Amino acid sequence: MTFKEYLERQFVQWQNQEGKRKSIAEFAAYLGVSQPLLSMWMNGQRRPGPENLKILYAVFGPSVYDVLGLPRPNPLYEYVCRNWQNLPVKEQIRITELVAKYTADPMPHGKQTRTART
């Protein structure tokens, strides 16, 4: 299924839930995007960017990622990102060190820590 077909199906399902025929402009308002942008998606002219993808995810769930061929977001990762500033600095460092330990990515800002070699 293409993204265009997916949106058409979602539009029909939404109209059925509403119990009456609705316009594309009303569907766009329901989704929280502009009508011209929704029209471009529905015509296959554009795909949603990262911010709009979050909006569609909130409405349609993870299936929107599947139809676009993108990996589904990790809820735990998103939770940590949303709450990062609430963590004590010591815990931020600990988490960053764990990530660096299991990936090839260097730590941000060149802050390398020493770890015991076993």
Protein backbone atom coordinates (compact mmCIF):
# COMPACT_ATOMS: atom_id res chain seq x y z
CA MET A 1 0.00 0.00 0.00
CA THR A 2 1.31 3.46 -0.86
CA PHE A 3 1.15 6.40 1.53
CA LYS A 4 -1.41 7.99 -0.78
CA GLU A 5 -3.65 4.89 -0.52
CA TYR A 6 -3.10 4.77 3.23
CA LEU A 7 -4.29 8.36 3.66
CA GLU A 8 -7.31 7.76 1.44
CA ARG A 9 -8.25 4.75 3.55
CA GLN A 10 -7.76 6.75 6.78
CA PHE A 11 -9.91 9.55 5.36
CA VAL A 12 -12.75 7.14 4.55
CA GLN A 13 -12.51 5.48 7.97
CA TRP A 14 -12.59 8.87 9.68
CA GLN A 15 -15.69 9.89 7.71
CA ASN A 16 -17.37 6.62 8.71
CA GLN A 17 -16.55 7.28 12.37
CA GLU A 18 -17.96 10.78 12.08
CA GLY A 19 -21.10 9.38 10.49
CA LYS A 20 -21.16 11.79 7.57
CA ARG A 21 -19.23 12.94 4.54
CA LYS A 22 -16.45 15.40 5.34
CA SER A 23 -14.12 17.57 3.29
CA ILE A 24 -10.36 17.29 2.92
CA ALA A 25 -10.10 20.63 4.73
CA GLU A 26 -11.98 19.16 7.70
CA PHE A 27 -9.74 16.09 7.66
CA ALA A 28 -6.68 18.34 7.62
CA ALA A 29 -8.03 20.28 10.61
CA TYR A 30 -8.66 16.99 12.42
CA LEU A 31 -5.07 15.92 11.74
CA GLY A 32 -3.64 19.30 12.68
CA VAL A 33 -2.01 20.05 9.32
CA SER A 34 -2.80 22.50 6.54
CA GLN A 35 -5.18 21.51 3.77
CA PRO A 36 -2.63 22.23 1.00
CA LEU A 37 -0.08 19.98 2.71
CA LEU A 38 -2.60 17.17 3.18
CA SER A 39 -3.58 17.51 -0.49
CA MET A 40 0.06 17.14 -1.54
CA TRP A 41 0.35 13.98 0.57
CA MET A 42 -2.89 12.59 -0.82
CA ASN A 43 -1.79 13.33 -4.38
CA GLY A 44 1.54 11.61 -3.82
CA GLN A 45 3.49 14.83 -4.36
CA ARG A 46 5.13 14.92 -0.90
CA ARG A 47 5.82 12.77 2.12
CA PRO A 48 5.58 13.99 5.68
CA GLY A 49 8.71 15.33 7.35
CA PRO A 50 9.77 14.39 10.88
CA GLU A 51 7.53 16.89 12.69
CA ASN A 52 4.43 16.04 10.68
CA LEU A 53 5.20 12.36 11.07
CA LYS A 54 4.92 12.82 14.84
CA ILE A 55 1.49 14.42 14.32
CA LEU A 56 0.34 11.53 12.13
CA TYR A 57 1.75 9.01 14.61
CA ALA A 58 -0.32 10.60 17.39
CA VAL A 59 -3.49 10.16 15.29
CA PHE A 60 -2.90 6.89 13.39
CA GLY A 61 -0.35 5.09 15.55
CA PRO A 62 2.73 3.22 14.36
CA SER A 63 1.16 1.99 11.10
CA VAL A 64 2.07 5.31 9.49
CA TYR A 65 5.75 4.40 9.85
CA ASP A 66 5.13 0.98 8.34
CA VAL A 67 3.45 2.32 5.21
CA LEU A 68 6.29 4.83 4.72
CA GLY A 69 8.89 2.08 5.12
CA LEU A 70 10.40 3.76 8.18
CA PRO A 71 11.41 2.17 11.46
CA ARG A 72 8.85 2.57 14.23
CA PRO A 73 9.82 4.90 17.05
CA ASN A 74 11.06 3.32 20.25
CA PRO A 75 8.76 4.45 23.10
CA LEU A 76 11.52 4.03 25.71
CA TYR A 77 13.92 6.17 23.68
CA GLU A 78 11.27 8.86 23.25
CA TYR A 79 10.52 8.78 26.97
CA VAL A 80 14.19 9.29 27.85
CA CYS A 81 14.49 12.14 25.33
CA ARG A 82 11.37 13.89 26.67
CA ASN A 83 12.64 13.63 30.23
CA TRP A 84 16.38 14.08 29.69
CA GLN A 85 16.54 17.52 31.31
CA ASN A 86 14.82 16.17 34.43
CA LEU A 87 17.58 13.61 35.01
CA PRO A 88 20.44 14.49 37.33
CA VAL A 89 23.66 15.24 35.41
CA LYS A 90 25.29 12.19 36.98
CA GLU A 91 22.59 9.95 35.45
CA GLN A 92 22.85 11.70 32.07
CA ILE A 93 26.57 10.93 32.06
CA ARG A 94 25.95 7.31 33.07
CA ILE A 95 23.43 6.82 30.27
CA THR A 96 25.73 8.51 27.75
CA GLU A 97 28.60 6.24 28.78
CA LEU A 98 26.43 3.14 28.37
CA VAL A 99 25.38 4.20 24.90
CA ALA A 100 28.99 4.93 23.93
CA LYS A 101 30.04 1.53 25.25
CA TYR A 102 27.66 -0.33 22.92
CA THR A 103 27.98 1.84 19.81
CA ALA A 104 30.76 3.04 17.57
CA ASP A 105 29.70 6.66 18.12
CA PRO A 106 32.05 8.79 20.20
CA MET A 107 30.63 10.67 23.17
CA PRO A 108 29.34 14.17 22.37
CA HIS A 109 31.55 17.23 22.79
CA GLY A 110 34.68 15.09 22.89
CA LYS A 111 34.06 14.12 26.53
CA GLN A 112 35.61 10.70 26.65
CA THR A 113 35.60 8.89 29.95
CA ARG A 114 38.03 6.29 31.10
CA THR A 115 36.69 2.83 31.68
CA ALA A 116 38.43 -0.01 33.41
CA ARG A 117 39.80 -2.60 31.00
CA THR A 118 39.18 -6.19 31.95
